[in-house]
Amino acid sequence: MRRTVAVSVSSELLDAAKVDGAGPLTTMWRVVLPLARPILAVVSVLSVVTARKDFLWPLLVLPDPARQPLSVFLRRMAQDTPPNSLVAGLVRVSLP
């Protein structure tokens, strides 16, 4: 049997923010986000590692430029490409 643990902000903290006159946006900004800093840091680190892995692995194992993904291709062509075309390519790669 697998148990799931739900982590939430205690209702006492949210009620205390309401009593102090904080609206929903202020409660989120001053109560919830400071409590979620460690979680946001872990998610950020994992996202960076995943993005780096998605770039580095094809760069190492696919020597044929025709088979490399766009992110690797754009890095290879960055020195000879005008900046506006490079930014357009980066936007295109980030859309999916």
C-alpha atoms as a PDB file:
ATOM      1  CA  MET A   1       0.000   0.000   0.000  1.00  0.00           C
ATOM      2  CA  ARG A   2       1.405   3.346  -1.022  1.00  0.00           C
ATOM      3  CA  ARG A   3       0.790   6.443   1.048  1.00  0.00           C
ATOM      4  CA  THR A   4       0.844   9.926  -0.395  1.00  0.00           C
ATOM      5  CA  VAL A   5       1.732  12.872   1.749  1.00  0.00           C
ATOM      6  CA  ALA A   6       0.005  16.134   1.044  1.00  0.00           C
ATOM      7  CA  VAL A   7       2.056  19.129   2.041  1.00  0.00           C
ATOM      8  CA  SER A   8       0.160  22.335   2.490  1.00  0.00           C
ATOM      9  CA  VAL A   9       0.368  25.648   4.235  1.00  0.00           C
ATOM     10  CA  SER A  10      -1.405  25.485   7.545  1.00  0.00           C
ATOM     11  CA  SER A  11      -4.767  27.139   7.707  1.00  0.00           C
ATOM     12  CA  GLU A  12      -3.646  29.043  10.806  1.00  0.00           C
ATOM     13  CA  LEU A  13      -1.025  30.915   8.802  1.00  0.00           C
ATOM     14  CA  LEU A  14      -3.523  31.787   6.079  1.00  0.00           C
ATOM     15  CA  ASP A  15      -6.088  32.877   8.656  1.00  0.00           C
ATOM     16  CA  ALA A  16      -3.480  35.012  10.420  1.00  0.00           C
ATOM     17  CA  ALA A  17      -2.689  36.718   7.125  1.00  0.00           C
ATOM     18  CA  LYS A  18      -6.396  37.415   6.574  1.00  0.00           C
ATOM     19  CA  VAL A  19      -6.724  38.855  10.095  1.00  0.00           C
ATOM     20  CA  ASP A  20      -3.751  41.105   9.414  1.00  0.00           C
ATOM     21  CA  GLY A  21      -5.556  42.437   6.347  1.00  0.00           C
ATOM     22  CA  ALA A  22      -3.554  40.708   3.631  1.00  0.00           C
ATOM     23  CA  GLY A  23      -5.304  40.009   0.369  1.00  0.00           C
ATOM     24  CA  PRO A  24      -4.807  36.862  -1.688  1.00  0.00           C
ATOM     25  CA  LEU A  25      -1.832  38.249  -3.612  1.00  0.00           C
ATOM     26  CA  THR A  26      -0.097  39.521  -0.479  1.00  0.00           C
ATOM     27  CA  THR A  27      -0.727  36.205   1.263  1.00  0.00           C
ATOM     28  CA  MET A  28       0.813  34.358  -1.648  1.00  0.00           C
ATOM     29  CA  TRP A  29       3.808  36.713  -1.846  1.00  0.00           C
ATOM     30  CA  ARG A  30       4.576  37.074   1.871  1.00  0.00           C
ATOM     31  CA  VAL A  31       3.430  33.772   3.383  1.00  0.00           C
ATOM     32  CA  VAL A  32       3.293  30.963   0.826  1.00  0.00           C
ATOM     33  CA  LEU A  33       6.306  31.759  -1.381  1.00  0.00           C
ATOM     34  CA  PRO A  34       8.815  32.096   1.478  1.00  0.00           C
ATOM     35  CA  LEU A  35       7.701  28.683   2.735  1.00  0.00           C
ATOM     36  CA  ALA A  36       8.088  27.219  -0.765  1.00  0.00           C
ATOM     37  CA  ARG A  37      11.640  28.497  -1.382  1.00  0.00           C
ATOM     38  CA  PRO A  38      13.351  25.111  -0.881  1.00  0.00           C
ATOM     39  CA  ILE A  39      10.887  23.418  -3.203  1.00  0.00           C
ATOM     40  CA  LEU A  40      11.356  26.091  -5.868  1.00  0.00           C
ATOM     41  CA  ALA A  41      15.132  25.767  -5.568  1.00  0.00           C
ATOM     42  CA  VAL A  42      15.020  21.999  -6.105  1.00  0.00           C
ATOM     43  CA  VAL A  43      12.699  22.325  -9.097  1.00  0.00           C
ATOM     44  CA  SER A  44      14.972  25.006 -10.588  1.00  0.00           C
ATOM     45  CA  VAL A  45      18.104  22.899 -10.182  1.00  0.00           C
ATOM     46  CA  LEU A  46      16.432  19.840 -11.688  1.00  0.00           C
ATOM     47  CA  SER A  47      15.168  21.907 -14.635  1.00  0.00           C
ATOM     48  CA  VAL A  48      18.645  23.255 -15.354  1.00  0.00           C
ATOM     49  CA  VAL A  49      20.197  19.798 -15.121  1.00  0.00           C
ATOM     50  CA  THR A  50      17.566  18.373 -17.470  1.00  0.00           C
ATOM     51  CA  ALA A  51      18.027  21.169 -20.002  1.00  0.00           C
ATOM     52  CA  ARG A  52      21.792  20.701 -19.893  1.00  0.00           C
ATOM     53  CA  LYS A  53      21.402  16.943 -20.351  1.00  0.00           C
ATOM     54  CA  ASP A  54      19.098  17.477 -23.341  1.00  0.00           C
ATOM     55  CA  PHE A  55      21.830  19.610 -24.931  1.00  0.00           C
ATOM     56  CA  LEU A  56      24.969  17.726 -23.948  1.00  0.00           C
ATOM     57  CA  TRP A  57      23.912  14.159 -24.730  1.00  0.00           C
ATOM     58  CA  PRO A  58      23.076  14.758 -28.441  1.00  0.00           C
ATOM     59  CA  LEU A  59      26.223  16.859 -28.778  1.00  0.00           C
ATOM     60  CA  LEU A  60      28.338  13.929 -27.617  1.00  0.00           C
ATOM     61  CA  VAL A  61      26.665  10.962 -29.300  1.00  0.00           C
ATOM     62  CA  LEU A  62      25.445  12.411 -32.616  1.00  0.00           C
ATOM     63  CA  PRO A  63      28.471  13.447 -34.669  1.00  0.00           C
ATOM     64  CA  ASP A  64      26.377  13.881 -37.842  1.00  0.00           C
ATOM     65  CA  PRO A  65      25.047  17.487 -37.910  1.00  0.00           C
ATOM     66  CA  ALA A  66      21.988  16.395 -39.875  1.00  0.00           C
ATOM     67  CA  ARG A  67      20.813  14.235 -36.965  1.00  0.00           C
ATOM     68  CA  GLN A  68      21.489  16.707 -34.132  1.00  0.00           C
ATOM     69  CA  PRO A  69      18.549  18.575 -32.566  1.00  0.00           C
ATOM     70  CA  LEU A  70      18.019  22.284 -33.160  1.00  0.00           C
ATOM     71  CA  SER A  71      19.501  23.332 -29.826  1.00  0.00           C
ATOM     72  CA  VAL A  72      22.850  21.734 -30.719  1.00  0.00           C
ATOM     73  CA  PHE A  73      22.695  23.041 -34.284  1.00  0.00           C
ATOM     74  CA  LEU A  74      22.069  26.609 -33.105  1.00  0.00           C
ATOM     75  CA  ARG A  75      25.000  26.447 -30.693  1.00  0.00           C
ATOM     76  CA  ARG A  76      27.276  25.281 -33.497  1.00  0.00           C
ATOM     77  CA  MET A  77      26.056  28.017 -35.888  1.00  0.00           C
ATOM     78  CA  ALA A  78      25.998  30.836 -33.298  1.00  0.00           C
ATOM     79  CA  GLN A  79      29.338  32.328 -34.321  1.00  0.00           C
ATOM     80  CA  ASP A  80      28.402  32.767 -37.997  1.00  0.00           C
ATOM     81  CA  THR A  81      24.756  33.754 -37.551  1.00  0.00           C
ATOM     82  CA  PRO A  82      23.394  37.297 -37.046  1.00  0.00           C
ATOM     83  CA  PRO A  83      21.957  37.791 -33.536  1.00  0.00           C
ATOM     84  CA  ASN A  84      18.376  38.387 -34.713  1.00  0.00           C
ATOM     85  CA  SER A  85      18.313  35.070 -36.621  1.00  0.00           C
ATOM     86  CA  LEU A  86      19.853  33.302 -33.637  1.00  0.00           C
ATOM     87  CA  VAL A  87      17.212  34.678 -31.252  1.00  0.00           C
ATOM     88  CA  ALA A  88      14.467  33.659 -33.697  1.00  0.00           C
ATOM     89  CA  GLY A  89      15.893  30.136 -33.750  1.00  0.00           C
ATOM     90  CA  LEU A  90      16.102  30.020 -29.959  1.00  0.00           C
ATOM     91  CA  VAL A  91      12.474  31.090 -29.679  1.00  0.00           C
ATOM     92  CA  ARG A  92      11.525  28.397 -32.189  1.00  0.00           C
ATOM     93  CA  VAL A  93      13.406  25.744 -30.206  1.00  0.00           C
ATOM     94  CA  SER A  94      11.805  26.780 -26.910  1.00  0.00           C
ATOM     95  CA  LEU A  95       8.204  26.666 -28.180  1.00  0.00           C
ATOM     96  CA  PRO A  96       7.568  22.913 -27.963  1.00  0.00           C
END
